[in-house]
Amino acid sequence: MPATKAQLDAARAQEQEAEAGDGYVLVPLAGHDGVTKDVRTLPAGKWRASALRCLNTGDIDGFMKSVLHEDDFDTFVDLDPDTEGFGKFTEDAARLSGGDLGKSSGRSRSGNGTRRS
C-alpha cells in the first residue's frame, strides 16, 4: 500500500529534523526577490505563547527571532519576505513539523447552549 501524504510529510519532517539537529526543522523561506533559502525553525508545536503574542500583535521580527535558530535570523532579515512568503513559511513549518495551524483542538461553539421556547 503506498504511503499517504501525511506519512510522507512525517518522514520528511523526521529527516529534516535529523539534518537540522537540535530539535529544529528545515523550512524554505522565500525572499521578496524570489530567492529561497532553508532556515531552521522550531517545530510549530514548540512555538511559545510569547512568540504567538508577537505574531498576533504584528511583531513579525519578534516572532521570527523567537522561533528561528539564532544563526538563521540574519537570513530572514536579508531575505525580507513579503506577506505571501511569510504566510507560506508558517504553513510549511506547521506541515513539516506534523501540525496544522488552521486547526484548533479547542471546544467548538454550537447552538446547544441557548434554549428556544
PDB file of N, CA and C in Angstrom:
ATOM      1  N   MET A   1       0.840  -1.178   0.000  1.00  0.00           N
ATOM      2  CA  MET A   1       0.000   0.000   0.000  1.00  0.00           C
ATOM      3  C   MET A   1       0.889   1.247   0.000  1.00  0.00           C
ATOM      4  N   PRO A   2       0.668   2.194  -0.895  1.00  0.00           N
ATOM      5  CA  PRO A   2       1.501   3.384  -0.961  1.00  0.00           C
ATOM      6  C   PRO A   2       1.332   4.259   0.285  1.00  0.00           C
ATOM      7  N   ALA A   3       2.381   4.989   0.580  1.00  0.00           N
ATOM      8  CA  ALA A   3       2.360   5.884   1.746  1.00  0.00           C
ATOM      9  C   ALA A   3       1.437   7.070   1.463  1.00  0.00           C
ATOM     10  N   THR A   4       0.753   7.530   2.501  1.00  0.00           N
ATOM     11  CA  THR A   4      -0.123   8.688   2.363  1.00  0.00           C
ATOM     12  C   THR A   4       0.717   9.968   2.415  1.00  0.00           C
ATOM     13  N   LYS A   5       0.104  11.077   2.026  1.00  0.00           N
ATOM     14  CA  LYS A   5       0.794  12.370   2.082  1.00  0.00           C
ATOM     15  C   LYS A   5       1.219  12.692   3.509  1.00  0.00           C
ATOM     16  N   ALA A   6       0.360  12.401   4.479  1.00  0.00           N
ATOM     17  CA  ALA A   6       0.685  12.665   5.889  1.00  0.00           C
ATOM     18  C   ALA A   6       1.900  11.845   6.322  1.00  0.00           C
ATOM     19  N   GLN A   7       1.961  10.581   5.889  1.00  0.00           N
ATOM     20  CA  GLN A   7       3.102   9.735   6.239  1.00  0.00           C
ATOM     21  C   GLN A   7       4.382  10.242   5.585  1.00  0.00           C
ATOM     22  N   LEU A   8       4.265  10.672   4.331  1.00  0.00           N
ATOM     23  CA  LEU A   8       5.437  11.212   3.643  1.00  0.00           C
ATOM     24  C   LEU A   8       5.917  12.498   4.306  1.00  0.00           C
ATOM     25  N   ASP A   9       4.971  13.375   4.687  1.00  0.00           N
ATOM     26  CA  ASP A   9       5.339  14.616   5.377  1.00  0.00           C
ATOM     27  C   ASP A   9       6.005  14.323   6.718  1.00  0.00           C
ATOM     28  N   ALA A  10       5.481  13.343   7.450  1.00  0.00           N
ATOM     29  CA  ALA A  10       6.062  12.986   8.744  1.00  0.00           C
ATOM     30  C   ALA A  10       7.477  12.439   8.571  1.00  0.00           C
ATOM     31  N   ALA A  11       7.673  11.604   7.563  1.00  0.00           N
ATOM     32  CA  ALA A  11       9.001  11.055   7.298  1.00  0.00           C
ATOM     33  C   ALA A  11       9.969  12.166   6.889  1.00  0.00           C
ATOM     34  N   ARG A  12       9.489  13.080   6.070  1.00  0.00           N
ATOM     35  CA  ARG A  12      10.336  14.198   5.643  1.00  0.00           C
ATOM     36  C   ARG A  12      10.690  15.086   6.829  1.00  0.00           C
ATOM     37  N   ALA A  13       9.738  15.305   7.724  1.00  0.00           N
ATOM     38  CA  ALA A  13       9.981  16.132   8.913  1.00  0.00           C
ATOM     39  C   ALA A  13      11.047  15.488   9.792  1.00  0.00           C
ATOM     40  N   GLN A  14      10.973  14.168   9.972  1.00  0.00           N
ATOM     41  CA  GLN A  14      11.982  13.479  10.773  1.00  0.00           C
ATOM     42  C   GLN A  14      13.352  13.583  10.121  1.00  0.00           C
ATOM     43  N   GLU A  15      13.390  13.417   8.821  1.00  0.00           N
ATOM     44  CA  GLU A  15      14.656  13.517   8.090  1.00  0.00           C
ATOM     45  C   GLU A  15      15.245  14.917   8.212  1.00  0.00           C
ATOM     46  N   GLN A  16      14.402  15.933   8.045  1.00  0.00           N
ATOM     47  CA  GLN A  16      14.882  17.312   8.139  1.00  0.00           C
ATOM     48  C   GLN A  16      15.311  17.659   9.552  1.00  0.00           C
ATOM     49  N   GLU A  17      14.587  17.147  10.539  1.00  0.00           N
ATOM     50  CA  GLU A  17      14.955  17.413  11.929  1.00  0.00           C
ATOM     51  C   GLU A  17      16.327  16.817  12.229  1.00  0.00           C
ATOM     52  N   ALA A  18      16.567  15.623  11.692  1.00  0.00           N
ATOM     53  CA  ALA A  18      17.873  14.991  11.880  1.00  0.00           C
ATOM     54  C   ALA A  18      18.967  15.810  11.203  1.00  0.00           C
ATOM     55  N   GLU A  19      18.668  16.340   9.995  1.00  0.00           N
ATOM     56  CA  GLU A  19      19.645  17.163   9.283  1.00  0.00           C
ATOM     57  C   GLU A  19      19.905  18.477  10.016  1.00  0.00           C
ATOM     58  N   ALA A  20      18.837  19.110  10.492  1.00  0.00           N
ATOM     59  CA  ALA A  20      18.974  20.412  11.139  1.00  0.00           C
ATOM     60  C   ALA A  20      19.576  20.261  12.525  1.00  0.00           C
ATOM     61  N   GLY A  21      19.250  19.188  13.219  1.00  0.00           N
ATOM     62  CA  GLY A  21      19.760  18.961  14.558  1.00  0.00           C
ATOM     63  C   GLY A  21      19.125  19.884  15.581  1.00  0.00           C
ATOM     64  N   ASP A  22      19.385  19.602  16.850  1.00  0.00           N
ATOM     65  CA  ASP A  22      18.948  20.442  17.964  1.00  0.00           C
ATOM     66  C   ASP A  22      17.444  20.670  18.006  1.00  0.00           C
ATOM     67  N   GLY A  23      16.632  19.764  17.456  1.00  0.00           N
ATOM     68  CA  GLY A  23      15.186  19.892  17.540  1.00  0.00           C
ATOM     69  C   GLY A  23      14.565  20.877  16.570  1.00  0.00           C
ATOM     70  N   TYR A  24      15.297  21.326  15.591  1.00  0.00           N
ATOM     71  CA  TYR A  24      14.774  22.253  14.587  1.00  0.00           C
ATOM     72  C   TYR A  24      14.393  21.501  13.328  1.00  0.00           C
ATOM     73  N   VAL A  25      13.499  22.089  12.530  1.00  0.00           N
ATOM     74  CA  VAL A  25      13.163  21.549  11.212  1.00  0.00           C
ATOM     75  C   VAL A  25      13.582  22.571  10.163  1.00  0.00           C
ATOM     76  N   LEU A  26      13.962  22.080   8.996  1.00  0.00           N
ATOM     77  CA  LEU A  26      14.338  22.962   7.890  1.00  0.00           C
ATOM     78  C   LEU A  26      13.090  23.347   7.111  1.00  0.00           C
ATOM     79  N   VAL A  27      12.894  24.645   6.928  1.00  0.00           N
ATOM     80  CA  VAL A  27      11.710  25.145   6.236  1.00  0.00           C
ATOM     81  C   VAL A  27      12.174  26.156   5.192  1.00  0.00           C
ATOM     82  N   PRO A  28      11.685  26.053   3.956  1.00  0.00           N
ATOM     83  CA  PRO A  28      12.050  27.049   2.948  1.00  0.00           C
ATOM     84  C   PRO A  28      11.406  28.398   3.251  1.00  0.00           C
ATOM     85  N   LEU A  29      12.176  29.462   3.048  1.00  0.00           N
ATOM     86  CA  LEU A  29      11.686  30.827   3.236  1.00  0.00           C
ATOM     87  C   LEU A  29      12.005  31.609   1.975  1.00  0.00           C
ATOM     88  N   ALA A  30      10.958  32.118   1.334  1.00  0.00           N
ATOM     89  CA  ALA A  30      11.117  32.854   0.078  1.00  0.00           C
ATOM     90  C   ALA A  30      11.263  34.339   0.365  1.00  0.00           C
ATOM     91  N   GLY A  31      12.296  34.925  -0.219  1.00  0.00           N
ATOM     92  CA  GLY A  31      12.514  36.360  -0.076  1.00  0.00           C
ATOM     93  C   GLY A  31      11.686  37.145  -1.075  1.00  0.00           C
ATOM     94  N   HIS A  32      11.651  38.456  -0.887  1.00  0.00           N
ATOM     95  CA  HIS A  32      10.856  39.308  -1.770  1.00  0.00           C
ATOM     96  C   HIS A  32      11.377  39.328  -3.199  1.00  0.00           C
ATOM     97  N   ASP A  33      12.642  38.957  -3.381  1.00  0.00           N
ATOM     98  CA  ASP A  33      13.250  38.995  -4.702  1.00  0.00           C
ATOM     99  C   ASP A  33      13.264  37.632  -5.403  1.00  0.00           C
ATOM    100  N   GLY A  34      12.514  36.650  -4.840  1.00  0.00           N
ATOM    101  CA  GLY A  34      12.426  35.330  -5.459  1.00  0.00           C
ATOM    102  C   GLY A  34      13.462  34.332  -4.983  1.00  0.00           C
ATOM    103  N   VAL A  35      14.429  34.768  -4.178  1.00  0.00           N
ATOM    104  CA  VAL A  35      15.432  33.855  -3.639  1.00  0.00           C
ATOM    105  C   VAL A  35      14.813  33.094  -2.468  1.00  0.00           C
ATOM    106  N   THR A  36      15.018  31.782  -2.450  1.00  0.00           N
ATOM    107  CA  THR A  36      14.510  30.948  -1.362  1.00  0.00           C
ATOM    108  C   THR A  36      15.683  30.249  -0.691  1.00  0.00           C
ATOM    109  N   LYS A  37      15.684  30.271   0.635  1.00  0.00           N
ATOM    110  CA  LYS A  37      16.710  29.571   1.416  1.00  0.00           C
ATOM    111  C   LYS A  37      16.024  28.797   2.522  1.00  0.00           C
ATOM    112  N   ASP A  38      16.627  27.677   2.909  1.00  0.00           N
ATOM    113  CA  ASP A  38      16.119  26.910   4.040  1.00  0.00           C
ATOM    114  C   ASP A  38      16.608  27.552   5.335  1.00  0.00           C
ATOM    115  N   VAL A  39      15.690  27.674   6.292  1.00  0.00           N
ATOM    116  CA  VAL A  39      16.043  28.170   7.625  1.00  0.00           C
ATOM    117  C   VAL A  39      15.601  27.126   8.642  1.00  0.00           C
ATOM    118  N   ARG A  40      16.269  27.110   9.781  1.00  0.00           N
ATOM    119  CA  ARG A  40      15.929  26.190  10.851  1.00  0.00           C
ATOM    120  C   ARG A  40      14.932  26.872  11.784  1.00  0.00           C
ATOM    121  N   THR A  41      13.820  26.189  12.025  1.00  0.00           N
ATOM    122  CA  THR A  41      12.804  26.714  12.928  1.00  0.00           C
ATOM    123  C   THR A  41      12.369  25.630  13.904  1.00  0.00           C
ATOM    124  N   LEU A  42      11.916  26.065  15.057  1.00  0.00           N
ATOM    125  CA  LEU A  42      11.341  25.115  15.995  1.00  0.00           C
ATOM    126  C   LEU A  42      10.086  24.531  15.365  1.00  0.00           C
ATOM    127  N   PRO A  43       9.763  23.278  15.652  1.00  0.00           N
ATOM    128  CA  PRO A  43       8.504  22.728  15.163  1.00  0.00           C
ATOM    129  C   PRO A  43       7.341  23.577  15.678  1.00  0.00           C
ATOM    130  N   ALA A  44       6.300  23.728  14.884  1.00  0.00           N
ATOM    131  CA  ALA A  44       5.185  24.615  15.239  1.00  0.00           C
ATOM    132  C   ALA A  44       4.584  24.286  16.602  1.00  0.00           C
ATOM    133  N   GLY A  45       4.581  23.040  16.982  1.00  0.00           N
ATOM    134  CA  GLY A  45       4.062  22.650  18.289  1.00  0.00           C
ATOM    135  C   GLY A  45       4.909  23.132  19.453  1.00  0.00           C
ATOM    136  N   LYS A  46       6.121  23.582  19.172  1.00  0.00           N
ATOM    137  CA  LYS A  46       7.037  24.077  20.214  1.00  0.00           C
ATOM    138  C   LYS A  46       7.088  25.609  20.261  1.00  0.00           C
ATOM    139  N   TRP A  47       6.315  26.286  19.403  1.00  0.00           N
ATOM    140  CA  TRP A  47       6.309  27.747  19.430  1.00  0.00           C
ATOM    141  C   TRP A  47       5.678  28.205  20.737  1.00  0.00           C
ATOM    142  N   ARG A  48       6.374  29.053  21.457  1.00  0.00           N
ATOM    143  CA  ARG A  48       5.916  29.515  22.762  1.00  0.00           C
ATOM    144  C   ARG A  48       4.796  30.538  22.614  1.00  0.00           C
ATOM    145  N   ALA A  49       4.034  30.677  23.685  1.00  0.00           N
ATOM    146  CA  ALA A  49       2.928  31.642  23.693  1.00  0.00           C
ATOM    147  C   ALA A  49       3.445  33.053  23.447  1.00  0.00           C
ATOM    148  N   SER A  50       4.627  33.365  23.955  1.00  0.00           N
ATOM    149  CA  SER A  50       5.186  34.710  23.756  1.00  0.00           C
ATOM    150  C   SER A  50       5.473  34.960  22.274  1.00  0.00           C
ATOM    151  N   ALA A  51       5.905  33.923  21.547  1.00  0.00           N
ATOM    152  CA  ALA A  51       6.146  34.067  20.109  1.00  0.00           C
ATOM    153  C   ALA A  51       4.828  34.314  19.385  1.00  0.00           C
ATOM    154  N   LEU A  52       3.786  33.587  19.779  1.00  0.00           N
ATOM    155  CA  LEU A  52       2.482  33.772  19.145  1.00  0.00           C
ATOM    156  C   LEU A  52       1.889  35.136  19.482  1.00  0.00           C
ATOM    157  N   ARG A  53       2.164  35.650  20.695  1.00  0.00           N
ATOM    158  CA  ARG A  53       1.708  37.007  21.026  1.00  0.00           C
ATOM    159  C   ARG A  53       2.381  38.021  20.116  1.00  0.00           C
ATOM    160  N   CYS A  54       3.667  37.829  19.842  1.00  0.00           N
ATOM    161  CA  CYS A  54       4.365  38.711  18.900  1.00  0.00           C
ATOM    162  C   CYS A  54       3.665  38.678  17.549  1.00  0.00           C
ATOM    163  N   LEU A  55       3.348  37.492  17.087  1.00  0.00           N
ATOM    164  CA  LEU A  55       2.693  37.340  15.791  1.00  0.00           C
ATOM    165  C   LEU A  55       1.322  38.010  15.798  1.00  0.00           C
ATOM    166  N   ASN A  56       0.568  37.820  16.869  1.00  0.00           N
ATOM    167  CA  ASN A  56      -0.779  38.394  16.955  1.00  0.00           C
ATOM    168  C   ASN A  56      -0.772  39.916  17.024  1.00  0.00           C
ATOM    169  N   THR A  57       0.325  40.503  17.498  1.00  0.00           N
ATOM    170  CA  THR A  57       0.415  41.970  17.557  1.00  0.00           C
ATOM    171  C   THR A  57       1.134  42.545  16.347  1.00  0.00           C
ATOM    172  N   GLY A  58       1.498  41.678  15.387  1.00  0.00           N
ATOM    173  CA  GLY A  58       2.139  42.150  14.169  1.00  0.00           C
ATOM    174  C   GLY A  58       3.647  42.291  14.261  1.00  0.00           C
ATOM    175  N   ASP A  59       4.250  41.799  15.343  1.00  0.00           N
ATOM    176  CA  ASP A  59       5.703  41.882  15.520  1.00  0.00           C
ATOM    177  C   ASP A  59       6.346  40.651  14.867  1.00  0.00           C
ATOM    178  N   ILE A  60       6.439  40.678  13.545  1.00  0.00           N
ATOM    179  CA  ILE A  60       6.965  39.532  12.807  1.00  0.00           C
ATOM    180  C   ILE A  60       8.438  39.306  13.133  1.00  0.00           C
ATOM    181  N   ASP A  61       9.212  40.379  13.267  1.00  0.00           N
ATOM    182  CA  ASP A  61      10.621  40.217  13.632  1.00  0.00           C
ATOM    183  C   ASP A  61      10.756  39.520  14.987  1.00  0.00           C
ATOM    184  N   GLY A  62       9.955  39.931  15.964  1.00  0.00           N
ATOM    185  CA  GLY A  62       9.993  39.300  17.288  1.00  0.00           C
ATOM    186  C   GLY A  62       9.590  37.842  17.223  1.00  0.00           C
ATOM    187  N   PHE A  63       8.565  37.553  16.427  1.00  0.00           N
ATOM    188  CA  PHE A  63       8.124  36.173  16.245  1.00  0.00           C
ATOM    189  C   PHE A  63       9.246  35.331  15.654  1.00  0.00           C
ATOM    190  N   MET A  64       9.832  35.815  14.556  1.00  0.00           N
ATOM    191  CA  MET A  64      10.879  35.048  13.883  1.00  0.00           C
ATOM    192  C   MET A  64      12.113  34.889  14.773  1.00  0.00           C
ATOM    193  N   LYS A  65      12.418  35.895  15.541  1.00  0.00           N
ATOM    194  CA  LYS A  65      13.562  35.802  16.461  1.00  0.00           C
ATOM    195  C   LYS A  65      13.306  34.710  17.504  1.00  0.00           C
ATOM    196  N   SER A  66      12.030  34.513  17.860  1.00  0.00           N
ATOM    197  CA  SER A  66      11.665  33.503  18.857  1.00  0.00           C
ATOM    198  C   SER A  66      11.659  32.087  18.308  1.00  0.00           C
ATOM    199  N   VAL A  67      11.325  31.912  17.030  1.00  0.00           N
ATOM    200  CA  VAL A  67      11.157  30.549  16.507  1.00  0.00           C
ATOM    201  C   VAL A  67      12.326  30.067  15.646  1.00  0.00           C
ATOM    202  N   LEU A  68      13.089  30.987  15.074  1.00  0.00           N
ATOM    203  CA  LEU A  68      14.221  30.581  14.226  1.00  0.00           C
ATOM    204  C   LEU A  68      15.450  30.264  15.061  1.00  0.00           C
ATOM    205  N   HIS A  69      16.300  29.420  14.524  1.00  0.00           N
ATOM    206  CA  HIS A  69      17.618  29.192  15.105  1.00  0.00           C
ATOM    207  C   HIS A  69      18.349  30.524  15.083  1.00  0.00           C
ATOM    208  N   GLU A  70      19.084  30.805  16.134  1.00  0.00           N
ATOM    209  CA  GLU A  70      19.731  32.124  16.246  1.00  0.00           C
ATOM    210  C   GLU A  70      20.635  32.448  15.055  1.00  0.00           C
ATOM    211  N   ASP A  71      21.224  31.435  14.431  1.00  0.00           N
ATOM    212  CA  ASP A  71      22.102  31.675  13.283  1.00  0.00           C
ATOM    213  C   ASP A  71      21.328  31.952  11.990  1.00  0.00           C
ATOM    214  N   ASP A  72      20.009  31.726  11.993  1.00  0.00           N
ATOM    215  CA  ASP A  72      19.214  31.914  10.780  1.00  0.00           C
ATOM    216  C   ASP A  72      18.391  33.201  10.773  1.00  0.00           C
ATOM    217  N   PHE A  73      18.385  33.936  11.883  1.00  0.00           N
ATOM    218  CA  PHE A  73      17.604  35.172  11.918  1.00  0.00           C
ATOM    219  C   PHE A  73      18.131  36.177  10.900  1.00  0.00           C
ATOM    220  N   ASP A  74      19.442  36.293  10.755  1.00  0.00           N
ATOM    221  CA  ASP A  74      20.010  37.220   9.765  1.00  0.00           C
ATOM    222  C   ASP A  74      19.598  36.839   8.340  1.00  0.00           C
ATOM    223  N   THR A  75      19.444  35.546   8.074  1.00  0.00           N
ATOM    224  CA  THR A  75      18.971  35.102   6.760  1.00  0.00           C
ATOM    225  C   THR A  75      17.560  35.622   6.515  1.00  0.00           C
ATOM    226  N   PHE A  76      16.710  35.530   7.552  1.00  0.00           N
ATOM    227  CA  PHE A  76      15.348  36.071   7.450  1.00  0.00           C
ATOM    228  C   PHE A  76      15.380  37.565   7.145  1.00  0.00           C
ATOM    229  N   VAL A  77      16.231  38.313   7.850  1.00  0.00           N
ATOM    230  CA  VAL A  77      16.320  39.762   7.636  1.00  0.00           C
ATOM    231  C   VAL A  77      16.798  40.056   6.219  1.00  0.00           C
ATOM    232  N   ASP A  78      17.803  39.309   5.757  1.00  0.00           N
ATOM    233  CA  ASP A  78      18.333  39.521   4.404  1.00  0.00           C
ATOM    234  C   ASP A  78      17.301  39.190   3.327  1.00  0.00           C
ATOM    235  N   LEU A  79      16.529  38.122   3.528  1.00  0.00           N
ATOM    236  CA  LEU A  79      15.522  37.728   2.538  1.00  0.00           C
ATOM    237  C   LEU A  79      14.351  38.707   2.509  1.00  0.00           C
ATOM    238  N   ASP A  80      14.033  39.299   3.649  1.00  0.00           N
ATOM    239  CA  ASP A  80      12.954  40.291   3.757  1.00  0.00           C
ATOM    240  C   ASP A  80      11.699  39.832   3.019  1.00  0.00           C
ATOM    241  N   PRO A  81      11.097  38.682   3.475  1.00  0.00           N
ATOM    242  CA  PRO A  81       9.961  38.132   2.746  1.00  0.00           C
ATOM    243  C   PRO A  81       8.742  39.047   2.782  1.00  0.00           C
ATOM    244  N   ASP A  82       7.924  38.952   1.730  1.00  0.00           N
ATOM    245  CA  ASP A  82       6.657  39.682   1.735  1.00  0.00           C
ATOM    246  C   ASP A  82       5.632  38.857   2.517  1.00  0.00           C
ATOM    247  N   THR A  83       4.419  39.357   2.611  1.00  0.00           N
ATOM    248  CA  THR A  83       3.381  38.695   3.398  1.00  0.00           C
ATOM    249  C   THR A  83       3.100  37.286   2.885  1.00  0.00           C
ATOM    250  N   GLU A  84       3.075  37.129   1.572  1.00  0.00           N
ATOM    251  CA  GLU A  84       2.827  35.813   0.992  1.00  0.00           C
ATOM    252  C   GLU A  84       3.930  34.828   1.368  1.00  0.00           C
ATOM    253  N   GLY A  85       5.182  35.261   1.273  1.00  0.00           N
ATOM    254  CA  GLY A  85       6.311  34.402   1.632  1.00  0.00           C
ATOM    255  C   GLY A  85       6.301  34.032   3.103  1.00  0.00           C
ATOM    256  N   PHE A  86       5.944  34.989   3.955  1.00  0.00           N
ATOM    257  CA  PHE A  86       5.872  34.724   5.393  1.00  0.00           C
ATOM    258  C   PHE A  86       4.738  33.739   5.696  1.00  0.00           C
ATOM    259  N   GLY A  87       3.585  33.943   5.060  1.00  0.00           N
ATOM    260  CA  GLY A  87       2.460  33.032   5.261  1.00  0.00           C
ATOM    261  C   GLY A  87       2.795  31.619   4.835  1.00  0.00           C
ATOM    262  N   LYS A  88       3.469  31.492   3.695  1.00  0.00           N
ATOM    263  CA  LYS A  88       3.868  30.164   3.215  1.00  0.00           C
ATOM    264  C   LYS A  88       4.856  29.528   4.180  1.00  0.00           C
ATOM    265  N   PHE A  89       5.765  30.331   4.742  1.00  0.00           N
ATOM    266  CA  PHE A  89       6.723  29.820   5.721  1.00  0.00           C
ATOM    267  C   PHE A  89       5.994  29.209   6.924  1.00  0.00           C
ATOM    268  N   THR A  90       5.011  29.931   7.488  1.00  0.00           N
ATOM    269  CA  THR A  90       4.317  29.412   8.670  1.00  0.00           C
ATOM    270  C   THR A  90       3.518  28.154   8.332  1.00  0.00           C
ATOM    271  N   GLU A  91       2.879  28.125   7.153  1.00  0.00           N
ATOM    272  CA  GLU A  91       2.140  26.930   6.733  1.00  0.00           C
ATOM    273  C   GLU A  91       3.084  25.746   6.562  1.00  0.00           C
ATOM    274  N   ASP A  92       4.218  25.989   5.894  1.00  0.00           N
ATOM    275  CA  ASP A  92       5.190  24.912   5.675  1.00  0.00           C
ATOM    276  C   ASP A  92       5.779  24.431   6.993  1.00  0.00           C
ATOM    277  N   ALA A  93       6.049  25.360   7.911  1.00  0.00           N
ATOM    278  CA  ALA A  93       6.604  24.979   9.216  1.00  0.00           C
ATOM    279  C   ALA A  93       5.634  24.062   9.951  1.00  0.00           C
ATOM    280  N   ALA A  94       4.353  24.403   9.915  1.00  0.00           N
ATOM    281  CA  ALA A  94       3.346  23.564  10.575  1.00  0.00           C
ATOM    282  C   ALA A  94       3.247  22.201   9.902  1.00  0.00           C
ATOM    283  N   ARG A  95       3.191  22.196   8.576  1.00  0.00           N
ATOM    284  CA  ARG A  95       3.054  20.942   7.832  1.00  0.00           C
ATOM    285  C   ARG A  95       4.267  20.043   8.035  1.00  0.00           C
ATOM    286  N   LEU A  96       5.458  20.624   7.947  1.00  0.00           N
ATOM    287  CA  LEU A  96       6.678  19.830   8.051  1.00  0.00           C
ATOM    288  C   LEU A  96       6.958  19.347   9.475  1.00  0.00           C
ATOM    289  N   SER A  97       6.327  19.996  10.453  1.00  0.00           N
ATOM    290  CA  SER A  97       6.524  19.541  11.831  1.00  0.00           C
ATOM    291  C   SER A  97       5.332  18.720  12.309  1.00  0.00           C
ATOM    292  N   GLY A  98       4.465  18.344  11.369  1.00  0.00           N
ATOM    293  CA  GLY A  98       3.380  17.435  11.686  1.00  0.00           C
ATOM    294  C   GLY A  98       2.133  18.098  12.245  1.00  0.00           C
ATOM    295  N   GLY A  99       2.008  19.403  12.127  1.00  0.00           N
ATOM    296  CA  GLY A  99       0.844  20.097  12.646  1.00  0.00           C
ATOM    297  C   GLY A  99       0.082  20.809  11.558  1.00  0.00           C
ATOM    298  N   ASP A 100      -0.934  21.552  11.970  1.00  0.00           N
ATOM    299  CA  ASP A 100      -1.716  22.357  11.045  1.00  0.00           C
ATOM    300  C   ASP A 100      -2.172  23.589  11.801  1.00  0.00           C
ATOM    301  N   LEU A 101      -1.688  24.759  11.405  1.00  0.00           N
ATOM    302  CA  LEU A 101      -2.027  25.983  12.110  1.00  0.00           C
ATOM    303  C   LEU A 101      -3.493  26.352  11.970  1.00  0.00           C
ATOM    304  N   GLY A 102      -4.166  25.798  10.988  1.00  0.00           N
ATOM    305  CA  GLY A 102      -5.559  26.154  10.757  1.00  0.00           C
ATOM    306  C   GLY A 102      -6.543  25.370  11.598  1.00  0.00           C
ATOM    307  N   LYS A 103      -6.058  24.407  12.345  1.00  0.00           N
ATOM    308  CA  LYS A 103      -6.957  23.578  13.140  1.00  0.00           C
ATOM    309  C   LYS A 103      -6.650  23.775  14.618  1.00  0.00           C
ATOM    310  N   SER A 104      -7.701  23.853  15.398  1.00  0.00           N
ATOM    311  CA  SER A 104      -7.569  24.018  16.835  1.00  0.00           C
ATOM    312  C   SER A 104      -8.231  22.846  17.527  1.00  0.00           C
ATOM    313  N   SER A 105      -7.662  22.424  18.638  1.00  0.00           N
ATOM    314  CA  SER A 105      -8.277  21.345  19.388  1.00  0.00           C
ATOM    315  C   SER A 105      -9.242  21.895  20.427  1.00  0.00           C
ATOM    316  N   GLY A 106      -9.450  23.183  20.389  1.00  0.00           N
ATOM    317  CA  GLY A 106     -10.348  23.820  21.348  1.00  0.00           C
ATOM    318  C   GLY A 106     -11.792  23.429  21.138  1.00  0.00           C
ATOM    319  N   ARG A 107     -12.601  23.709  22.142  1.00  0.00           N
ATOM    320  CA  ARG A 107     -14.025  23.368  22.121  1.00  0.00           C
ATOM    321  C   ARG A 107     -14.723  24.116  20.989  1.00  0.00           C
ATOM    322  N   SER A 108     -15.539  23.416  20.246  1.00  0.00           N
ATOM    323  CA  SER A 108     -16.262  24.069  19.166  1.00  0.00           C
ATOM    324  C   SER A 108     -17.517  24.718  19.736  1.00  0.00           C
ATOM    325  N   ARG A 109     -17.921  25.806  19.127  1.00  0.00           N
ATOM    326  CA  ARG A 109     -19.122  26.507  19.562  1.00  0.00           C
ATOM    327  C   ARG A 109     -20.311  25.896  18.850  1.00  0.00           C
ATOM    328  N   SER A 110     -21.362  25.688  19.604  1.00  0.00           N
ATOM    329  CA  SER A 110     -22.575  25.170  18.989  1.00  0.00           C
ATOM    330  C   SER A 110     -23.770  25.933  19.536  1.00  0.00           C
ATOM    331  N   GLY A 111     -24.865  25.776  18.892  1.00  0.00           N
ATOM    332  CA  GLY A 111     -26.072  26.473  19.311  1.00  0.00           C
ATOM    333  C   GLY A 111     -26.799  25.769  20.441  1.00  0.00           C
ATOM    334  N   ASN A 112     -26.242  24.701  20.983  1.00  0.00           N
ATOM    335  CA  ASN A 112     -26.907  23.930  22.020  1.00  0.00           C
ATOM    336  C   ASN A 112     -27.018  24.673  23.340  1.00  0.00           C
ATOM    337  N   GLY A 113     -26.244  25.718  23.532  1.00  0.00           N
ATOM    338  CA  GLY A 113     -26.248  26.434  24.811  1.00  0.00           C
ATOM    339  C   GLY A 113     -27.435  27.352  24.978  1.00  0.00           C
ATOM    340  N   THR A 114     -28.149  27.637  23.922  1.00  0.00           N
ATOM    341  CA  THR A 114     -29.314  28.520  24.027  1.00  0.00           C
ATOM    342  C   THR A 114     -30.566  27.716  23.824  1.00  0.00           C
ATOM    343  N   ARG A 115     -31.545  28.031  24.586  1.00  0.00           N
ATOM    344  CA  ARG A 115     -32.800  27.291  24.505  1.00  0.00           C
ATOM    345  C   ARG A 115     -33.888  28.193  23.924  1.00  0.00           C
ATOM    346  N   ARG A 116     -34.624  27.662  23.004  1.00  0.00           N
ATOM    347  CA  ARG A 116     -35.689  28.428  22.382  1.00  0.00           C
ATOM    348  C   ARG A 116     -37.050  27.913  22.883  1.00  0.00           C
ATOM    349  N   SER A 117     -37.934  28.844  23.080  1.00  0.00           N
ATOM    350  CA  SER A 117     -39.270  28.447  23.538  1.00  0.00           C
ATOM    351  C   SER A 117     -40.276  28.582  22.437  1.00  0.00           C
TER     352      SER A 117
END
